[in-house]
Each structure stands twice: as structure tokens, then as C-alpha cells.
Protein backbone atom coordinates (compact mmCIF):
# COMPACT_ATOMS: atom_id res chain seq x y z
CA UNK A 1 10.15 -9.31 -15.29
CA UNK A 2 9.33 -11.92 -12.60
CA UNK A 3 8.99 -9.94 -9.37
CA UNK A 4 6.73 -12.17 -7.26
CA UNK A 5 9.60 -13.46 -5.16
CA UNK A 6 10.94 -9.99 -4.39
CA UNK A 7 7.47 -8.78 -3.37
CA UNK A 8 6.90 -11.73 -1.07
CA UNK A 9 10.36 -11.35 0.45
CA UNK A 10 9.84 -7.63 1.04
CA UNK A 11 6.49 -8.20 2.74
CA UNK A 12 7.73 -11.04 4.90
CA UNK A 13 10.86 -9.09 5.81
CA UNK A 14 8.76 -6.19 7.10
CA UNK A 15 6.36 -8.58 8.84
CA UNK A 16 9.27 -9.96 10.86
CA UNK A 17 10.22 -6.56 12.20
CA UNK A 18 12.69 -5.07 9.73
CA UNK A 19 11.82 -1.37 9.93
CA UNK A 20 14.00 -0.66 6.89
CA UNK A 21 12.15 -3.02 4.53
CA UNK A 22 11.18 -0.89 1.56
CA UNK A 23 7.73 -1.25 0.08
CA UNK A 24 6.69 -1.52 -2.63
CA UNK A 25 9.65 -3.27 -4.25
CA UNK A 26 10.96 -2.11 -7.60
CA UNK A 27 9.07 -4.67 -9.67
CA UNK A 28 5.71 -3.70 -8.17
CA UNK A 29 6.47 -0.02 -8.70
CA UNK A 30 7.00 -0.78 -12.40
CA UNK A 31 3.66 -2.63 -12.59
CA UNK A 32 1.83 0.23 -10.86
CA UNK A 33 3.35 2.64 -13.37
CA UNK A 34 2.03 0.49 -16.21
CA UNK A 35 -1.42 0.52 -14.59
CA UNK A 36 -1.26 4.33 -14.60
CA UNK A 37 0.16 4.27 -18.15
CA UNK A 38 3.07 6.45 -17.08
CA UNK A 39 6.79 6.27 -16.39
CA UNK A 40 8.04 5.16 -12.97
CA UNK A 41 9.44 8.66 -12.47
CA UNK A 42 5.92 10.05 -12.85
CA UNK A 43 4.64 8.28 -9.72
CA UNK A 44 4.49 10.41 -6.59
CA UNK A 45 4.39 8.23 -3.47
CA UNK A 46 2.89 9.28 -0.16
CA UNK A 47 3.78 8.04 3.29
CA UNK A 48 2.97 4.52 4.46
CA UNK A 49 -0.60 4.28 5.77
CA UNK A 50 -0.56 0.80 7.31
CA UNK A 51 -0.34 -0.10 10.97
CA UNK A 52 3.14 -1.26 12.12
CA UNK A 53 2.06 -4.87 12.75
CA UNK A 54 -0.74 -5.04 10.21
CA UNK A 55 -1.32 -7.79 7.67
CA UNK A 56 -0.84 -5.51 4.65
CA UNK A 57 1.32 -2.66 3.40
CA UNK A 58 -0.51 0.43 2.18
CA UNK A 59 0.68 3.57 0.38
CA UNK A 60 -0.99 6.41 -1.44
CA UNK A 61 0.29 7.12 -4.94
CA UNK A 62 -0.73 9.76 -7.45
CA UNK A 63 -0.02 10.90 -10.95
CA UNK A 64 -1.19 14.43 -11.53
CA UNK A 65 -4.76 14.70 -10.27
CA UNK A 66 -5.26 10.91 -10.07
CA UNK A 67 -4.79 9.47 -6.59
CA UNK A 68 -4.95 5.79 -5.75
CA UNK A 69 -4.15 3.40 -2.91
CA UNK A 70 -1.66 0.56 -3.44
CA UNK A 71 -2.06 -2.32 -0.99
CA UNK A 72 0.10 -5.40 -0.64
CA UNK A 73 -1.06 -8.26 1.56
CA UNK A 74 1.51 -10.32 3.46
CA UNK A 75 -0.58 -13.48 3.03
CA UNK A 76 -2.17 -14.75 -0.16
CA UNK A 77 -5.46 -15.50 1.62
CA UNK A 78 -5.96 -11.86 2.58
CA UNK A 79 -5.09 -10.67 -0.91
CA UNK A 80 -7.52 -13.07 -2.58
CA UNK A 81 -10.29 -12.29 -0.08
CA UNK A 82 -10.05 -8.54 -0.65
CA UNK A 83 -9.77 -8.97 -4.41
CA UNK A 84 -12.90 -11.16 -4.45
CA UNK A 85 -14.79 -8.70 -2.27
CA UNK A 86 -14.02 -5.70 -4.46
CA UNK A 87 -14.75 -7.58 -7.67
CA UNK A 88 -18.02 -9.06 -6.38
CA UNK A 89 -19.38 -6.31 -4.17
CA UNK A 90 -18.07 -2.91 -5.24
CA UNK A 91 -20.24 -2.54 -8.37
CA UNK A 92 -23.40 -3.00 -6.27
CA UNK A 93 -22.22 -1.12 -3.19
CA UNK A 94 -20.88 2.18 -4.44
CA UNK A 95 -20.14 4.68 -2.95
CA UNK A 96 -19.45 2.62 0.17
CA UNK A 97 -16.61 0.58 -1.37
CA UNK A 98 -13.56 1.52 -3.42
CA UNK A 99 -13.30 0.32 -7.00
CA UNK A 100 -10.49 -2.06 -7.84
CA UNK A 101 -8.39 -0.54 -10.65
CA UNK A 102 -5.73 -3.24 -11.08
CA UNK A 103 -4.23 -6.19 -9.22
CA UNK A 104 -1.64 -8.94 -9.46
CA UNK A 105 -1.93 -12.30 -7.72
CA UNK A 106 1.72 -13.34 -8.02
CA UNK A 107 2.98 -10.21 -6.27
CA UNK A 108 -0.16 -9.72 -4.17
CA UNK A 109 -0.90 -6.05 -4.77
CA UNK A 110 -4.14 -4.16 -5.34
CA UNK A 111 -4.60 -0.71 -6.86
CA UNK A 112 -7.85 0.88 -5.73
CA UNK A 113 -9.65 4.19 -5.31
CA UNK A 114 -8.34 6.57 -2.68
CA UNK A 115 -11.53 7.29 -0.75
CA UNK A 116 -11.88 10.52 1.24
CA UNK A 117 -12.34 10.75 4.98
CA UNK A 118 -10.79 10.06 8.36
CA UNK A 119 -10.77 6.76 10.20
CA UNK A 120 -14.08 6.14 11.93
CA UNK A 121 -12.28 5.38 15.18
CA UNK A 122 -10.89 8.93 15.24
CA UNK A 123 -14.30 10.59 14.90
CA UNK A 124 -15.39 12.42 18.07
CA UNK A 125 -18.41 14.53 17.11
CA UNK A 126 -21.43 12.78 18.67
CA UNK A 127 -23.89 13.76 15.91
CA UNK A 128 -21.51 12.55 13.20
CA UNK A 129 -20.92 9.31 15.09
CA UNK A 130 -24.66 8.65 15.09
CA UNK A 131 -24.93 9.37 11.35
CA UNK A 132 -21.91 7.17 10.64
CA UNK A 133 -23.38 4.22 12.54
CA UNK A 134 -26.74 4.67 10.86
CA UNK A 135 -25.02 4.51 7.48
CA UNK A 136 -23.12 1.44 8.70
CA UNK A 137 -26.49 -0.21 9.28
CA UNK A 138 -27.61 0.78 5.79
CA UNK A 139 -24.43 -0.72 4.35
CA UNK A 140 -24.95 -4.04 6.15
CA UNK A 141 -28.57 -4.14 4.99
CA UNK A 142 -27.41 -3.66 1.39
CA UNK A 143 -24.71 -6.32 1.87
CA UNK A 144 -27.28 -8.81 3.15
CA UNK A 145 -29.52 -8.22 0.14
CA UNK A 146 -26.85 -9.37 -2.32
CA UNK A 147 -27.39 -12.92 -3.61
CA UNK A 148 -25.10 -15.65 -2.28
CA UNK A 149 -24.09 -18.29 -4.81
CA UNK A 150 -21.92 -20.38 -2.47
CA UNK A 151 -23.45 -23.63 -1.22
CA UNK A 152 -21.87 -24.81 2.04
CA UNK A 153 -22.33 -28.54 2.76
CA UNK A 154 -22.06 -27.80 6.48
CA UNK A 155 -25.17 -26.41 8.20
CA UNK A 156 -24.83 -23.22 10.27
CA UNK A 157 -25.31 -25.23 13.48
CA UNK A 158 -22.56 -27.65 12.44
CA UNK A 159 -20.25 -24.78 11.54
CA UNK A 160 -20.74 -23.15 14.95
CA UNK A 161 -20.15 -26.43 16.77
CA UNK A 162 -16.96 -26.98 14.78
CA UNK A 163 -15.66 -23.50 15.61
CA UNK A 164 -16.56 -23.88 19.28
CA UNK A 165 -14.92 -27.30 19.58
CA UNK A 166 -11.78 -26.08 17.82
CA UNK A 167 -11.23 -23.20 20.24
CA UNK A 168 -12.25 -25.19 23.34
CA UNK A 169 -9.58 -27.76 22.45
CA UNK A 170 -6.87 -25.13 23.03
CA UNK A 171 -4.80 -26.39 25.97
CA UNK A 172 -3.74 -22.82 26.87
CA UNK A 173 -7.30 -21.53 27.22
CA UNK A 174 -8.15 -20.07 30.66
CA UNK A 175 -10.57 -22.26 32.62
CA UNK A 176 -13.00 -19.36 33.02
CA UNK A 177 -13.15 -18.84 29.26
CA UNK A 178 -13.97 -22.51 28.74
CA UNK A 179 -16.76 -22.39 31.34
CA UNK A 180 -18.34 -19.17 30.09
CA UNK A 181 -18.16 -20.07 26.40
CA UNK A 182 -19.68 -23.49 27.01
CA UNK A 183 -22.69 -21.80 28.60
CA UNK A 184 -23.03 -19.00 26.07
CA UNK A 185 -22.63 -20.79 22.72
CA UNK A 186 -25.63 -22.89 21.74
CA UNK A 187 -25.17 -24.33 18.24
CA UNK A 188 -28.81 -25.45 18.24
CA UNK A 189 -30.09 -21.88 18.04
CA UNK A 190 -28.43 -21.57 14.61
CA UNK A 191 -30.79 -24.10 13.02
CA UNK A 192 -32.21 -22.35 9.98
CA UNK A 193 -29.74 -19.44 10.17
CA UNK A 194 -28.80 -17.86 6.85
CA UNK A 195 -25.46 -17.03 5.28
CA UNK A 196 -24.64 -13.63 3.79
CA UNK A 197 -21.68 -11.73 2.38
CA UNK A 198 -19.64 -10.62 5.39
CA UNK A 199 -16.75 -8.20 5.92
CA UNK A 200 -15.85 -10.07 9.15
CA UNK A 201 -13.77 -7.22 10.60
CA UNK A 202 -16.53 -4.62 10.55
CA UNK A 203 -15.69 -1.86 13.02
CA UNK A 204 -14.96 1.89 12.98
CA UNK A 205 -11.24 1.24 12.47
CA UNK A 206 -12.11 -0.11 9.02
CA UNK A 207 -14.43 2.75 8.11
CA UNK A 208 -13.69 6.14 6.59
CA UNK A 209 -15.97 9.11 7.23
CA UNK A 210 -15.87 12.23 5.08
CA UNK A 211 -18.39 14.68 3.62
CA UNK A 212 -21.15 12.91 5.56
CA UNK A 213 -20.45 9.64 3.73
CA UNK A 214 -19.33 6.27 5.07
CA UNK A 215 -16.74 4.24 3.18
CA UNK A 216 -15.78 0.67 4.14
CA UNK A 217 -12.24 -0.61 3.61
CA UNK A 218 -9.97 -3.55 4.45
CA UNK A 219 -11.77 -6.64 3.17
CA UNK A 220 -8.92 -9.05 3.88
CA UNK A 221 -11.20 -11.27 6.00
CA UNK A 222 -14.19 -11.20 3.62
CA UNK A 223 -16.15 -14.34 2.93
CA UNK A 224 -19.70 -15.64 3.00
CA UNK A 225 -20.53 -16.23 6.66
CA UNK A 226 -23.43 -16.30 9.10
CA UNK A 227 -25.86 -13.43 9.33
CA UNK A 228 -25.07 -11.03 12.22
CA UNK A 229 -21.34 -11.78 12.16
CA UNK A 230 -20.66 -8.18 11.08
CA UNK A 231 -22.38 -6.90 14.21
CA UNK A 232 -20.06 -8.80 16.57
CA UNK A 233 -17.16 -6.34 16.85
CA UNK A 234 -19.59 -3.43 17.23
CA UNK A 235 -21.58 -5.19 19.95
CA UNK A 236 -18.45 -6.18 21.87
CA UNK A 237 -16.66 -2.89 21.19
CA UNK A 238 -17.85 0.70 20.81
CA UNK A 239 -21.50 -0.04 21.60
CA UNK A 240 -20.72 -1.15 25.15
CA UNK A 241 -20.35 2.46 26.26
CA UNK A 242 -22.48 4.12 23.58
CA UNK A 243 -25.91 2.45 23.24
CA UNK A 244 -27.11 5.38 21.09
CA UNK A 245 -24.77 4.12 18.36
CA UNK A 246 -26.39 0.67 18.54
CA UNK A 247 -29.81 2.28 18.09
CA UNK A 248 -28.54 4.33 15.14
CA UNK A 249 -27.13 1.22 13.46
CA UNK A 250 -30.40 -0.69 13.78
CA UNK A 251 -32.32 2.29 12.38
CA UNK A 252 -30.08 2.11 9.34
CA UNK A 253 -30.37 -1.67 9.15
CA UNK A 254 -34.16 -1.36 9.20
CA UNK A 255 -34.63 -4.11 11.77
CA UNK A 256 -33.57 -5.37 15.17
CA UNK A 257 -32.72 -9.01 15.86
CA UNK A 258 -35.52 -11.34 16.92
CA UNK A 259 -35.17 -13.32 20.15
CA UNK A 260 -33.67 -16.23 18.19
CA UNK A 261 -31.31 -13.88 16.36
CA UNK A 262 -30.26 -12.30 19.66
CA UNK A 263 -29.27 -15.76 20.86
CA UNK A 264 -27.32 -16.25 17.63
CA UNK A 265 -25.60 -12.87 18.03
CA UNK A 266 -24.74 -13.72 21.63
CA UNK A 267 -23.21 -16.99 20.45
CA UNK A 268 -21.20 -15.25 17.74
CA UNK A 269 -19.97 -12.65 20.23
CA UNK A 270 -19.00 -15.45 22.62
CA UNK A 271 -17.08 -17.18 19.84
CA UNK A 272 -15.24 -13.91 19.24
CA UNK A 273 -14.38 -13.64 22.94
CA UNK A 274 -13.33 -17.29 23.03
CA UNK A 275 -11.19 -16.92 19.90
CA UNK A 276 -9.57 -13.78 21.32
CA UNK A 277 -8.67 -15.65 24.54
CA UNK A 278 -7.45 -18.68 22.60
CA UNK A 279 -5.27 -16.76 20.17
CA UNK A 280 -3.87 -14.47 22.85
CA UNK A 281 -3.10 -17.29 25.28
CA UNK A 282 -1.12 -19.11 22.58
CA UNK A 283 0.79 -15.95 21.68
CA UNK A 284 1.44 -14.89 25.27
CA UNK A 285 -0.63 -11.67 25.07
CA UNK A 286 -2.17 -11.24 28.55
CA UNK A 287 -3.90 -7.93 27.73
CA UNK A 288 -5.81 -9.61 24.89
CA UNK A 289 -6.65 -12.58 27.10
CA UNK A 290 -8.25 -10.11 29.53
CA UNK A 291 -10.10 -8.46 26.64
CA UNK A 292 -11.55 -11.80 25.56
CA UNK A 293 -12.55 -12.66 29.12
CA UNK A 294 -14.25 -9.27 29.52
CA UNK A 295 -16.33 -9.98 26.41
CA UNK A 296 -17.41 -13.34 27.80
CA UNK A 297 -18.16 -11.95 31.27
CA UNK A 298 -20.29 -9.12 29.87
CA UNK A 299 -22.24 -11.55 27.72
CA UNK A 300 -22.83 -13.85 30.71
CA UNK A 301 -24.01 -10.94 32.88
CA UNK A 302 -26.44 -9.75 30.20
CA UNK A 303 -27.76 -13.25 29.53
CA UNK A 304 -28.77 -13.82 33.13
CA UNK A 305 -30.31 -10.41 33.79
């Protein structure tokens, strides 16, 4: 039965604020049942797990003792990115990643392991936070060791210059953001930089922590990208007030950035702050504009100390 249209309509309907949009639609439920090799009536669905304005719809489903997560991306790009990540990376990165059990491109759903644990952003025990960040460093080290087959015709320096120019061209960008970013982002320091597999939204909100084990989820932004990009949201986020977590991460990573790599990380963080300002100014989100400006101001203060 062709159900791709109904799935897309259901996702888009919810994305545009219809709180009553049911998910998953009937056709996807039937496909999930086939993946479990059971009748539709045998599926027991849990509550929705996704954020209200997130880019995907997520529900737990189980049949007897078997529990899985069903995820439906609103946009095809997110679906394909997460599917590629789990197919390429999960076999080499267990137990950090869930295994992909089944998927469908037309209807954009993924059936994957239901990993144990609570969201890393809800963890409060200081000792566990340190262990979680150390394991996060170990995960990134393992991610970096995986071979990259993609050949990008654009050099890292060219890629950074293109990203910088694109965001600086935003007519809504605050003048201060333009000034700070222009000083902080030096494409020349990326000469010779390497590309690695990257989650690209790597932060405690996309981690699970349970039984002293880190799990990493939500690979909808995955792609091969510049080294250190997965440190950006940690450096500009939770580490600002908890330097012990930064130290724990680098212990797990097995290295700290060199002076050149620190300049690269500063540039990547500045791009994140610039992009946050640019996106938020276009969308009329003043709180996020302030967040982006705070990132840029902190980077500028640290650079000139």
C-alpha cells in the first residue's frame, strides 16, 4: 500500500502546529508490524518522546520483551543523514550507537534499538557528569579513527571562507556579530585541516547515560566535516561553567588541541555563534540572537586575554 504521502502529510501537519496530528500514520504502523513480524494489534505504543518543535517524531514501541524506537524525520535530509550514520558507524561504534533494525525512505521512518538511560542534560551527579564527558571524549576519538572515503573538492580553508561569507551576507545580522566574527574566523588557519565523521549536534541533549555507559543518539545532522566540529557545542555550552567537564572530555579523547587546532576550534565556535545570530535574526528570535552574541563575545574576550 503506498503510504509515503500520508506519512509526509502527517509529519508536515504536526510541524506546522497541529497538536492533534497522529503519528505514526496507519501505513507506517503496518510496516513496523511487518518489521516485527507480528500483527498490528500486537504492537504496544508508548508516549511520544520528541520535543514539541523538533525535526522528527519519536515513539517507543514494543512487542513482548522486544522494545524499539520508531523515528520519523520531517525532512528527507535528516532521515537520510541518520540512516547513513547508523549504517556506516554503528557496527564499529557499539555500544555507543543504536543498531538500525529497519527503515523506509519513501515514508522516512527508522526502527532502531531502544537504548537505556536518561538524557545527558538531565544528569546532575557531578561524578557521573565527569565520567559521561570522559566517555564522550572516547567516543569522538573512536569516531575520528574511522576511515573517510569522501573526497571533497573544496579545501577546508575554502569551506570555512564560504560558510563565513554566506552568514556575513545576511542583511539582518547585528553589526556587532559581523564585527566580532570577522575578527575571530581566520580561514587561513584551516590550511591542512582534516575531515572526519561528525555528529554535528554533539551535546548532552543528544546523549543517554545509563548503567555507567554513554549512548549517542539523533544523527540527523551527520556528515563528514572538519575535525573539532563536534567539540563546538560543548565548548560554547556546558563547559563554560564547568571546566572540569572539558578536562574529562580531553582525557577521554587522549589529546588536547594544539595551538593551531585551538585557532581552528575558535573559528568553528565563532561560525556557530554567527550562524545562531543569523538564523535567529531572520526568524525574529531575539533570545537566540543574544545567545549567539554571547558566544562571540566570550570568544573575543578569551582570544585577547
